[in-house]
Amino acid sequence: MAQFGYDVSNTIGPEDVAREMVNLVEQGRYVGGTCLETSVDGSRELGTWNIEPPKELGTKVPDAVLEENYRPM
């Protein structure tokens, strides 16, 4: 992630997401159709209505990264 300008302490890797997906299936706590959000701050089940926005940590792309990645080539 550092190659793209992201602070590694503010990102999660594919291994983290895969681990949460396996837990989602194996633990049996969730019913079919569950939407699970995974971020640096942890995981949470998203409901259908009135969903609280995610916490800032690890959910926003820093402006410097956006500028670097979307600048003309």
C-alpha atoms as a PDB file:
ATOM      1  CA  MET A   1       0.000   0.000   0.000  1.00  0.00           C
ATOM      2  CA  ALA A   2       2.942   2.307   0.611  1.00  0.00           C
ATOM      3  CA  GLN A   3       3.673   2.296  -3.131  1.00  0.00           C
ATOM      4  CA  PHE A   4       0.351   4.081  -3.657  1.00  0.00           C
ATOM      5  CA  GLY A   5       0.967   6.626  -0.892  1.00  0.00           C
ATOM      6  CA  TYR A   6      -1.248   5.060   1.775  1.00  0.00           C
ATOM      7  CA  ASP A   7      -0.176   5.051   5.412  1.00  0.00           C
ATOM      8  CA  VAL A   8       0.066   1.335   6.216  1.00  0.00           C
ATOM      9  CA  SER A   9      -1.266   1.895   9.750  1.00  0.00           C
ATOM     10  CA  ASN A  10      -4.516   3.220   8.214  1.00  0.00           C
ATOM     11  CA  THR A  11      -5.146   0.342   5.801  1.00  0.00           C
ATOM     12  CA  ILE A  12      -6.237  -3.273   5.905  1.00  0.00           C
ATOM     13  CA  GLY A  13      -4.982  -5.936   3.574  1.00  0.00           C
ATOM     14  CA  PRO A  14      -6.788  -8.625   1.643  1.00  0.00           C
ATOM     15  CA  GLU A  15      -5.823 -11.125   4.354  1.00  0.00           C
ATOM     16  CA  ASP A  16      -7.809  -9.113   6.921  1.00  0.00           C
ATOM     17  CA  VAL A  17     -10.872  -9.024   4.689  1.00  0.00           C
ATOM     18  CA  ALA A  18     -10.563 -12.744   3.913  1.00  0.00           C
ATOM     19  CA  ARG A  19     -10.293 -13.549   7.629  1.00  0.00           C
ATOM     20  CA  GLU A  20     -13.512 -11.637   8.325  1.00  0.00           C
ATOM     21  CA  MET A  21     -15.255 -13.402   5.438  1.00  0.00           C
ATOM     22  CA  VAL A  22     -14.257 -16.810   6.810  1.00  0.00           C
ATOM     23  CA  ASN A  23     -15.448 -15.791  10.289  1.00  0.00           C
ATOM     24  CA  LEU A  24     -18.722 -14.618   8.781  1.00  0.00           C
ATOM     25  CA  VAL A  25     -19.368 -18.096   7.391  1.00  0.00           C
ATOM     26  CA  GLU A  26     -17.839 -20.306  10.090  1.00  0.00           C
ATOM     27  CA  GLN A  27     -19.143 -18.610  13.240  1.00  0.00           C
ATOM     28  CA  GLY A  28     -22.785 -18.857  12.234  1.00  0.00           C
ATOM     29  CA  ARG A  29     -23.690 -15.578  13.986  1.00  0.00           C
ATOM     30  CA  TYR A  30     -25.051 -13.980  10.853  1.00  0.00           C
ATOM     31  CA  VAL A  31     -28.016 -14.801   8.634  1.00  0.00           C
ATOM     32  CA  GLY A  32     -27.993 -14.899   4.838  1.00  0.00           C
ATOM     33  CA  GLY A  33     -27.797 -11.480   3.220  1.00  0.00           C
ATOM     34  CA  THR A  34     -25.769  -9.918   6.031  1.00  0.00           C
ATOM     35  CA  CYS A  35     -23.640  -6.954   5.005  1.00  0.00           C
ATOM     36  CA  LEU A  36     -20.471  -6.819   7.099  1.00  0.00           C
ATOM     37  CA  GLU A  37     -18.233  -3.754   7.026  1.00  0.00           C
ATOM     38  CA  THR A  38     -14.532  -4.331   7.723  1.00  0.00           C
ATOM     39  CA  SER A  39     -12.151  -1.459   8.441  1.00  0.00           C
ATOM     40  CA  VAL A  40      -9.079  -0.628  10.504  1.00  0.00           C
ATOM     41  CA  ASP A  41     -11.463   0.114  13.371  1.00  0.00           C
ATOM     42  CA  GLY A  42     -12.939  -3.413  13.287  1.00  0.00           C
ATOM     43  CA  SER A  43     -15.978  -5.056  11.754  1.00  0.00           C
ATOM     44  CA  ARG A  44     -19.654  -4.330  12.147  1.00  0.00           C
ATOM     45  CA  GLU A  45     -22.907  -5.624  10.765  1.00  0.00           C
ATOM     46  CA  LEU A  46     -24.751  -3.061   8.670  1.00  0.00           C
ATOM     47  CA  GLY A  47     -28.490  -2.897   9.015  1.00  0.00           C
ATOM     48  CA  THR A  48     -31.051  -1.934   6.420  1.00  0.00           C
ATOM     49  CA  TRP A  49     -32.076   1.551   7.556  1.00  0.00           C
ATOM     50  CA  ASN A  50     -30.467   4.457   9.445  1.00  0.00           C
ATOM     51  CA  ILE A  51     -26.946   3.086   9.186  1.00  0.00           C
ATOM     52  CA  GLU A  52     -24.446   5.154  11.134  1.00  0.00           C
ATOM     53  CA  PRO A  53     -21.574   6.307   8.892  1.00  0.00           C
ATOM     54  CA  PRO A  54     -18.235   4.549   9.396  1.00  0.00           C
ATOM     55  CA  LYS A  55     -15.663   6.027  11.728  1.00  0.00           C
ATOM     56  CA  GLU A  56     -13.032   8.216  10.081  1.00  0.00           C
ATOM     57  CA  LEU A  57     -10.098   5.878  10.815  1.00  0.00           C
ATOM     58  CA  GLY A  58      -9.194   3.901   7.715  1.00  0.00           C
ATOM     59  CA  THR A  59     -12.299   4.811   5.725  1.00  0.00           C
ATOM     60  CA  LYS A  60     -11.200   7.994   3.935  1.00  0.00           C
ATOM     61  CA  VAL A  61      -8.589   8.299   1.214  1.00  0.00           C
ATOM     62  CA  PRO A  62      -6.176  11.123   2.138  1.00  0.00           C
ATOM     63  CA  ASP A  63      -6.279  14.127  -0.213  1.00  0.00           C
ATOM     64  CA  ALA A  64      -2.553  13.780  -1.008  1.00  0.00           C
ATOM     65  CA  VAL A  65      -3.139  10.200  -2.210  1.00  0.00           C
ATOM     66  CA  LEU A  66      -6.065  11.268  -4.385  1.00  0.00           C
ATOM     67  CA  GLU A  67      -4.025  14.069  -5.941  1.00  0.00           C
ATOM     68  CA  GLU A  68      -1.090  11.741  -6.635  1.00  0.00           C
ATOM     69  CA  ASN A  69      -3.169   8.917  -8.100  1.00  0.00           C
ATOM     70  CA  TYR A  70      -5.420  11.098 -10.256  1.00  0.00           C
ATOM     71  CA  ARG A  71      -2.855  13.554 -11.608  1.00  0.00           C
ATOM     72  CA  PRO A  72      -2.265  13.652 -15.369  1.00  0.00           C
ATOM     73  CA  MET A  73       0.305  11.159 -16.582  1.00  0.00           C
END
